[in-house]
Amino acid sequence: MTTEESAARAWSAVGELHHRYLTGALLGLVQRHGETRAAAVCEALFRRQHLEAFLPGLTKLGLTGLPHAVACAQYHVLSNALGGVRVVWIPESDRKSWVRYLPPRWIFDGTAVAGIPTDVSRAMLRGWHAHNGPTLGNPRLGFVCTMQTVDGQPGLEGYYIEEDEPLEPHERLRFRPGERPLRDPEPLPLPNWDPVRLAKVERNYALAYTRSLLAEVGAVLGPLEGAHTLRLAGRQVAMQYRPTIDTILGEHLDAPGLLLRMLRAQDDDAERVEGAGGIEIRSATCRTTDGLHLSADTFEGWNGIWEGFAALDGLRLDVVGRADLGDPAYIWRFRPMPGPLR
């Protein structure tokens, strides 16, 4: 395996792991906190993603000169394609432009789609699609949703429309089940990137969602409740998807080695140190959480992933250094748990 291939495998593993963590966390929020609070987290998550990515993305994708409805629809097709998400564009006019997110849905992957309530899916649209007009300074631009996969329909579909008069806040997102486009999807030219570059983009795509989730969950649930839910989801997802991660990497690593590989794959300069007190993974940075100004507890929600991998190996994991709390580095210490592994 070449160095380039090894790097691409690690980037893919980071993307896969955080994709599954996001989906598992949303299911955990629904189960433990109910539809309303889970929807509030989802809306906040997507609003944060929108504010960080939408305007820069329009520029990078060369869409700034298009009519607003068309630019918004094409943005979803092109930006999501880079993250491995299938979306198609269905043109109608300069003021009305359709998008359809095709099954299988990325964020509600696999059988998870059966556990996502309608309003959690709608919250995604409230957080992002309904806010495109205000972000573009166009009070007449809104989004109309006509289908949702979580409602048993063949995709999430709808259209951006520029109305004749300014929209009230509650009119920026509307629902009209049964309305369908008059034309077939029209292909858009996608970036012709090699698999190695795409693996890195997909890593960044999934990591961005995890960062937004960590940043917003405490604001809705409170830091302790939010951290507990994410920590449990992290442990569950890690244990459930360990074989998948091994397959992507092409090798099985022990839990400390896996953490080291994943940190390096997200551009953290991590190292492994072995001593009488156990095995330590040290890193001055943590790209997943750095710069988010999280509460001390929320970090533990993400750390649940590594606790899950450690538990599978019969190891106890303690975080004995936190750079975000003033320590020189993040330090994860792995030690054998007493008694048999299983």
Protein backbone atom coordinates (compact mmCIF):
# COMPACT_ATOMS: atom_id res chain seq x y z
CA MET A 1 0.00 0.00 0.00
CA THR A 2 1.44 3.38 -0.99
CA THR A 3 1.61 6.33 1.40
CA GLU A 4 -1.07 8.09 -0.65
CA GLU A 5 -3.37 5.06 -0.52
CA SER A 6 -2.84 4.71 3.23
CA ALA A 7 -3.71 8.37 3.76
CA ALA A 8 -6.85 8.06 1.64
CA ARG A 9 -7.96 5.01 3.62
CA ALA A 10 -7.49 6.88 6.89
CA TRP A 11 -9.40 9.92 5.62
CA SER A 12 -12.23 7.62 4.52
CA ALA A 13 -12.25 5.96 7.94
CA VAL A 14 -12.51 9.32 9.71
CA GLY A 15 -15.36 10.33 7.41
CA GLU A 16 -17.20 7.03 7.92
CA LEU A 17 -16.78 7.10 11.69
CA HIS A 18 -18.07 10.64 12.11
CA HIS A 19 -20.90 10.04 9.64
CA ARG A 20 -22.08 7.11 11.77
CA TYR A 21 -21.56 9.10 14.97
CA LEU A 22 -23.80 11.88 13.65
CA THR A 23 -26.58 9.47 12.67
CA GLY A 24 -26.32 7.56 15.96
CA ALA A 25 -26.38 10.79 17.95
CA LEU A 26 -29.55 11.98 16.20
CA LEU A 27 -31.26 8.67 16.94
CA GLY A 28 -30.10 8.87 20.55
CA LEU A 29 -31.49 12.39 20.85
CA VAL A 30 -34.87 11.25 19.54
CA GLN A 31 -34.99 8.24 21.85
CA ARG A 32 -33.84 9.96 25.04
CA HIS A 33 -35.11 13.51 24.64
CA GLY A 34 -38.08 13.27 22.30
CA GLU A 35 -38.94 14.67 18.89
CA THR A 36 -39.18 18.33 19.89
CA ARG A 37 -35.76 18.63 21.53
CA ALA A 38 -34.09 16.45 18.92
CA ALA A 39 -35.54 18.69 16.23
CA ALA A 40 -34.23 21.77 18.04
CA VAL A 41 -30.71 20.32 18.02
CA CYS A 42 -31.02 19.40 14.34
CA GLU A 43 -32.22 22.88 13.40
CA ALA A 44 -29.39 24.54 15.33
CA LEU A 45 -26.85 22.17 13.78
CA PHE A 46 -27.95 22.96 10.23
CA ARG A 47 -28.22 26.69 10.88
CA ARG A 48 -24.62 26.67 12.06
CA GLN A 49 -23.55 24.69 8.99
CA HIS A 50 -25.44 27.14 6.78
CA LEU A 51 -23.87 30.24 8.31
CA GLU A 52 -20.38 28.78 8.05
CA ALA A 53 -20.54 27.20 4.60
CA PHE A 54 -23.24 28.67 2.36
CA LEU A 55 -21.85 31.99 1.14
CA PRO A 56 -18.23 30.78 0.81
CA GLY A 57 -19.55 27.70 -0.99
CA LEU A 58 -21.50 29.73 -3.54
CA THR A 59 -18.30 31.54 -4.44
CA LYS A 60 -16.13 28.41 -4.59
CA LEU A 61 -18.67 26.64 -6.80
CA GLY A 62 -19.02 29.60 -9.17
CA LEU A 63 -22.73 30.12 -8.52
CA THR A 64 -22.81 33.76 -7.42
CA GLY A 65 -23.96 35.12 -10.79
CA LEU A 66 -27.03 32.90 -11.07
CA PRO A 67 -30.60 33.82 -10.07
CA HIS A 68 -31.00 33.11 -6.37
CA ALA A 69 -33.45 30.20 -6.68
CA VAL A 70 -31.23 28.49 -9.26
CA ALA A 71 -28.01 29.17 -7.33
CA CYS A 72 -29.47 27.70 -4.13
CA ALA A 73 -30.69 24.55 -5.84
CA GLN A 74 -27.42 23.98 -7.69
CA TYR A 75 -25.46 24.63 -4.51
CA HIS A 76 -27.13 21.68 -2.78
CA VAL A 77 -26.38 19.39 -5.73
CA LEU A 78 -22.71 20.31 -6.09
CA SER A 79 -21.73 20.73 -2.44
CA ASN A 80 -23.41 17.51 -1.36
CA ALA A 81 -21.92 15.55 -4.26
CA LEU A 82 -18.45 16.36 -2.93
CA GLY A 83 -19.47 14.85 0.40
CA GLY A 84 -20.81 11.69 -1.22
CA VAL A 85 -24.49 12.68 -1.02
CA ARG A 86 -26.75 12.15 -4.04
CA VAL A 87 -28.84 15.20 -4.95
CA VAL A 88 -30.30 16.08 -8.36
CA TRP A 89 -31.37 19.40 -9.87
CA ILE A 90 -34.69 19.87 -11.70
CA PRO A 91 -34.86 23.28 -13.40
CA GLU A 92 -38.15 25.07 -13.96
CA SER A 93 -37.45 28.80 -14.26
CA ASP A 94 -35.11 31.50 -13.01
CA ARG A 95 -37.43 32.00 -10.04
CA LYS A 96 -38.33 28.38 -9.30
CA SER A 97 -35.76 25.61 -9.08
CA TRP A 98 -36.13 22.09 -7.70
CA VAL A 99 -33.82 19.74 -5.78
CA ARG A 100 -34.29 16.10 -4.83
CA TYR A 101 -32.18 14.29 -2.23
CA LEU A 102 -32.22 10.68 -3.38
CA PRO A 103 -32.42 7.63 -1.13
CA PRO A 104 -30.48 6.33 0.62
CA ARG A 105 -30.32 9.51 2.70
CA TRP A 106 -26.81 10.23 3.95
CA ILE A 107 -27.67 11.73 7.31
CA PHE A 108 -30.39 9.16 8.10
CA ASP A 109 -28.42 6.26 6.67
CA GLY A 110 -29.50 2.63 6.59
CA THR A 111 -32.38 1.59 8.81
CA ALA A 112 -31.96 4.79 10.85
CA VAL A 113 -34.42 6.45 8.47
CA ALA A 114 -37.19 4.42 10.11
CA GLY A 115 -36.43 5.99 13.49
CA ILE A 116 -36.36 9.66 12.48
CA PRO A 117 -39.61 11.59 13.13
CA THR A 118 -41.00 13.96 10.52
CA ASP A 119 -40.18 17.11 12.46
CA VAL A 120 -36.51 16.19 12.90
CA SER A 121 -36.21 16.02 9.11
CA ARG A 122 -38.15 19.28 8.77
CA ALA A 123 -35.78 20.87 11.28
CA MET A 124 -32.94 20.39 8.81
CA LEU A 125 -34.90 22.48 6.29
CA ARG A 126 -35.71 25.15 8.88
CA GLY A 127 -32.06 25.39 9.82
CA TRP A 128 -30.68 25.70 6.30
CA HIS A 129 -33.11 25.98 3.39
CA ALA A 130 -35.44 28.48 5.05
CA HIS A 131 -32.50 30.77 5.82
CA ASN A 132 -31.03 31.10 2.33
CA GLY A 133 -33.20 34.13 1.61
CA PRO A 134 -32.10 36.12 4.69
CA THR A 135 -28.46 35.18 4.10
CA LEU A 136 -28.65 36.38 0.49
CA GLY A 137 -30.52 39.53 1.52
CA ASN A 138 -33.53 38.41 -0.53
CA PRO A 139 -36.75 38.57 1.54
CA ARG A 140 -38.78 37.06 -1.34
CA LEU A 141 -36.85 33.77 -1.49
CA GLY A 142 -38.28 30.69 0.23
CA PHE A 143 -38.29 26.90 0.06
CA VAL A 144 -41.30 24.64 -0.49
CA CYS A 145 -40.91 20.98 0.54
CA THR A 146 -43.00 18.48 -1.42
CA MET A 147 -41.62 15.09 -0.26
CA GLN A 148 -39.65 13.59 2.64
CA THR A 149 -38.04 10.16 2.77
CA VAL A 150 -38.91 9.88 6.47
CA ASP A 151 -42.57 10.14 5.43
CA GLY A 152 -42.19 7.14 3.13
CA GLN A 153 -41.76 9.15 -0.05
CA PRO A 154 -38.99 8.52 -2.63
CA GLY A 155 -36.62 11.25 -1.55
CA LEU A 156 -36.59 14.67 0.06
CA GLU A 157 -37.78 17.02 -2.64
CA GLY A 158 -38.76 20.64 -2.95
CA TYR A 159 -38.06 23.89 -4.72
CA TYR A 160 -36.63 27.30 -4.09
CA ILE A 161 -38.99 30.02 -5.23
CA GLU A 162 -38.65 33.78 -5.48
CA GLU A 163 -42.07 35.28 -4.81
CA ASP A 164 -43.40 38.68 -5.91
CA GLU A 165 -43.66 40.00 -2.34
CA PRO A 166 -41.47 39.64 0.77
CA LEU A 167 -42.13 36.52 2.82
CA GLU A 168 -43.00 36.48 6.49
CA PRO A 169 -40.62 34.35 8.62
CA HIS A 170 -43.13 31.49 8.81
CA GLU A 171 -43.47 31.52 5.00
CA ARG A 172 -39.79 30.90 4.26
CA LEU A 173 -40.42 27.16 4.65
CA ARG A 174 -43.70 25.69 3.45
CA PHE A 175 -44.96 22.15 2.81
CA ARG A 176 -47.04 21.08 -0.18
CA PRO A 177 -47.08 17.26 -0.33
CA GLY A 178 -48.10 15.97 -3.73
CA GLU A 179 -46.82 18.85 -5.85
CA ARG A 180 -44.30 17.50 -8.36
CA PRO A 181 -41.88 18.99 -10.89
CA LEU A 182 -42.86 19.15 -14.55
CA ARG A 183 -39.46 18.05 -15.87
CA ASP A 184 -36.84 15.38 -15.33
CA PRO A 185 -33.59 16.07 -13.48
CA GLU A 186 -30.86 17.76 -15.47
CA PRO A 187 -27.22 16.80 -14.86
CA LEU A 188 -24.73 19.35 -13.59
CA PRO A 189 -20.98 19.15 -14.28
CA LEU A 190 -19.34 17.79 -11.14
CA PRO A 191 -15.69 18.36 -10.20
CA ASN A 192 -13.53 15.62 -11.70
CA TRP A 193 -11.49 14.86 -8.61
CA ASP A 194 -9.44 11.73 -8.04
CA PRO A 195 -10.48 9.27 -5.28
CA VAL A 196 -7.71 10.43 -2.93
CA ARG A 197 -8.85 14.06 -3.03
CA LEU A 198 -12.49 13.03 -2.69
CA ALA A 199 -11.66 10.96 0.40
CA LYS A 200 -10.23 14.07 2.04
CA VAL A 201 -13.28 16.15 1.09
CA GLU A 202 -15.63 13.50 2.49
CA ARG A 203 -13.60 13.51 5.70
CA ASN A 204 -14.00 17.28 5.98
CA TYR A 205 -17.72 17.02 5.19
CA ALA A 206 -18.41 14.56 8.02
CA LEU A 207 -16.12 16.33 10.50
CA ALA A 208 -17.94 19.62 9.89
CA TYR A 209 -21.23 18.03 10.94
CA THR A 210 -19.67 16.58 14.09
CA ARG A 211 -18.22 19.97 15.01
CA SER A 212 -21.60 21.64 14.54
CA LEU A 213 -23.33 18.94 16.58
CA LEU A 214 -20.88 19.36 19.46
CA ALA A 215 -21.18 23.14 19.31
CA GLU A 216 -24.98 23.20 19.45
CA VAL A 217 -26.14 20.24 21.55
CA GLY A 218 -25.27 21.88 24.87
CA ALA A 219 -27.17 25.04 23.98
CA VAL A 220 -30.37 23.02 23.53
CA LEU A 221 -30.05 20.28 26.16
CA GLY A 222 -27.52 21.77 28.56
CA PRO A 223 -23.89 20.59 28.60
CA LEU A 224 -24.32 17.62 30.92
CA GLU A 225 -27.40 16.12 29.27
CA GLY A 226 -25.99 16.77 25.82
CA ALA A 227 -22.63 15.22 26.67
CA HIS A 228 -24.24 12.14 28.21
CA THR A 229 -26.36 11.46 25.12
CA LEU A 230 -23.46 11.95 22.71
CA ARG A 231 -21.08 9.91 24.86
CA LEU A 232 -23.40 6.93 24.89
CA ALA A 233 -23.98 7.22 21.14
CA GLY A 234 -20.24 7.43 20.58
CA ARG A 235 -19.58 4.25 22.54
CA GLN A 236 -22.36 2.38 20.76
CA VAL A 237 -21.33 3.48 17.28
CA ALA A 238 -17.66 2.70 17.88
CA MET A 239 -18.40 -0.84 19.02
CA GLN A 240 -20.94 -1.43 16.24
CA TYR A 241 -18.74 -0.14 13.43
CA ARG A 242 -15.29 -1.35 14.48
CA PRO A 243 -15.20 -4.07 11.78
CA THR A 244 -16.22 -1.50 9.16
CA ILE A 245 -13.41 0.84 10.18
CA ASP A 246 -10.91 -2.04 10.09
CA THR A 247 -12.04 -2.93 6.57
CA ILE A 248 -11.64 0.64 5.36
CA LEU A 249 -8.16 0.91 6.88
CA GLY A 250 -7.17 -2.52 5.61
CA GLU A 251 -5.81 -3.53 9.01
CA HIS A 252 -6.80 -4.03 12.64
CA LEU A 253 -5.15 -1.69 15.14
CA ASP A 254 -5.41 -1.77 18.91
CA ALA A 255 -7.53 1.01 20.42
CA PRO A 256 -4.57 3.34 21.12
CA GLY A 257 -3.24 2.75 17.62
CA LEU A 258 -6.63 3.46 16.10
CA LEU A 259 -6.97 6.74 18.00
CA LEU A 260 -3.47 7.71 16.86
CA ARG A 261 -4.29 6.90 13.24
CA MET A 262 -7.56 8.81 13.32
CA LEU A 263 -6.03 11.89 14.95
CA ARG A 264 -3.25 12.01 12.39
CA ALA A 265 -5.79 11.53 9.61
CA GLN A 266 -7.58 14.68 10.77
CA ASP A 267 -4.25 16.58 10.70
CA ASP A 268 -3.42 16.43 14.41
CA ASP A 269 0.27 15.85 15.19
CA ALA A 270 -0.29 12.99 17.63
CA GLU A 271 2.24 10.58 19.13
CA ARG A 272 2.17 7.31 21.05
CA VAL A 273 4.08 6.96 24.32
CA GLU A 274 4.25 3.67 26.25
CA GLY A 275 5.20 3.47 29.92
CA ALA A 276 4.50 1.76 33.22
CA GLY A 277 1.26 3.74 33.64
CA GLY A 278 -0.17 2.53 30.34
CA ILE A 279 -0.21 3.64 26.73
CA GLU A 280 -0.69 7.36 26.10
CA ILE A 281 -1.72 9.14 22.92
CA ARG A 282 -0.67 12.78 23.04
CA SER A 283 -1.60 15.62 20.74
CA ALA A 284 -1.24 19.38 21.09
CA THR A 285 -4.37 19.84 18.98
CA CYS A 286 -7.75 18.21 18.39
CA ARG A 287 -9.24 19.32 15.10
CA THR A 288 -12.68 17.97 15.94
CA THR A 289 -13.15 20.29 18.90
CA ASP A 290 -10.52 23.05 18.75
CA GLY A 291 -11.91 26.55 18.29
CA LEU A 292 -15.48 25.65 19.30
CA HIS A 293 -15.24 26.98 22.88
CA LEU A 294 -17.13 23.98 24.21
CA SER A 295 -18.04 23.42 27.82
CA ALA A 296 -15.66 21.05 29.56
CA ASP A 297 -18.34 18.36 29.58
CA THR A 298 -19.21 18.41 25.87
CA PHE A 299 -15.77 17.10 24.92
CA GLU A 300 -16.69 13.88 26.75
CA GLY A 301 -19.57 13.42 24.32
CA TRP A 302 -17.10 13.03 21.46
CA ASN A 303 -14.63 11.05 23.57
CA GLY A 304 -17.27 8.34 23.93
CA ILE A 305 -16.16 7.09 20.50
CA TRP A 306 -12.69 6.24 21.79
CA GLU A 307 -14.11 4.78 25.00
CA GLY A 308 -16.11 2.37 22.85
CA PHE A 309 -13.04 1.19 20.97
CA ALA A 310 -11.11 0.86 24.24
CA ALA A 311 -13.88 -1.21 25.82
CA LEU A 312 -13.72 -3.70 22.95
CA ASP A 313 -10.02 -4.21 23.70
CA GLY A 314 -10.58 -4.61 27.44
CA LEU A 315 -8.97 -1.24 28.13
CA ARG A 316 -9.89 1.65 30.36
CA LEU A 317 -9.52 5.09 28.81
CA ASP A 318 -8.85 8.22 30.86
CA VAL A 319 -8.30 11.69 29.44
CA VAL A 320 -5.53 13.03 31.69
CA GLY A 321 -4.67 16.13 29.67
CA ARG A 322 -6.91 18.69 27.99
CA ALA A 323 -5.28 21.41 25.89
CA ASP A 324 -8.63 23.19 25.72
CA LEU A 325 -8.54 23.49 29.53
CA GLY A 326 -5.00 24.85 29.66
CA ASP A 327 -2.89 21.68 29.70
CA PRO A 328 0.07 21.46 27.32
CA ALA A 329 -1.61 18.70 25.31
CA TYR A 330 -4.54 16.34 25.02
CA ILE A 331 -3.49 13.06 26.62
CA TRP A 332 -5.50 9.84 26.35
CA ARG A 333 -4.25 7.10 28.69
CA PHE A 334 -5.18 3.46 28.03
CA ARG A 335 -4.80 0.84 30.78
CA PRO A 336 -5.99 -2.75 31.05
CA MET A 337 -9.23 -3.25 32.93
CA PRO A 338 -9.14 -5.88 35.68
CA GLY A 339 -10.78 -9.22 35.02
CA PRO A 340 -11.53 -11.04 31.77
CA LEU A 341 -12.15 -9.08 28.59
CA ARG A 342 -15.65 -10.53 28.14
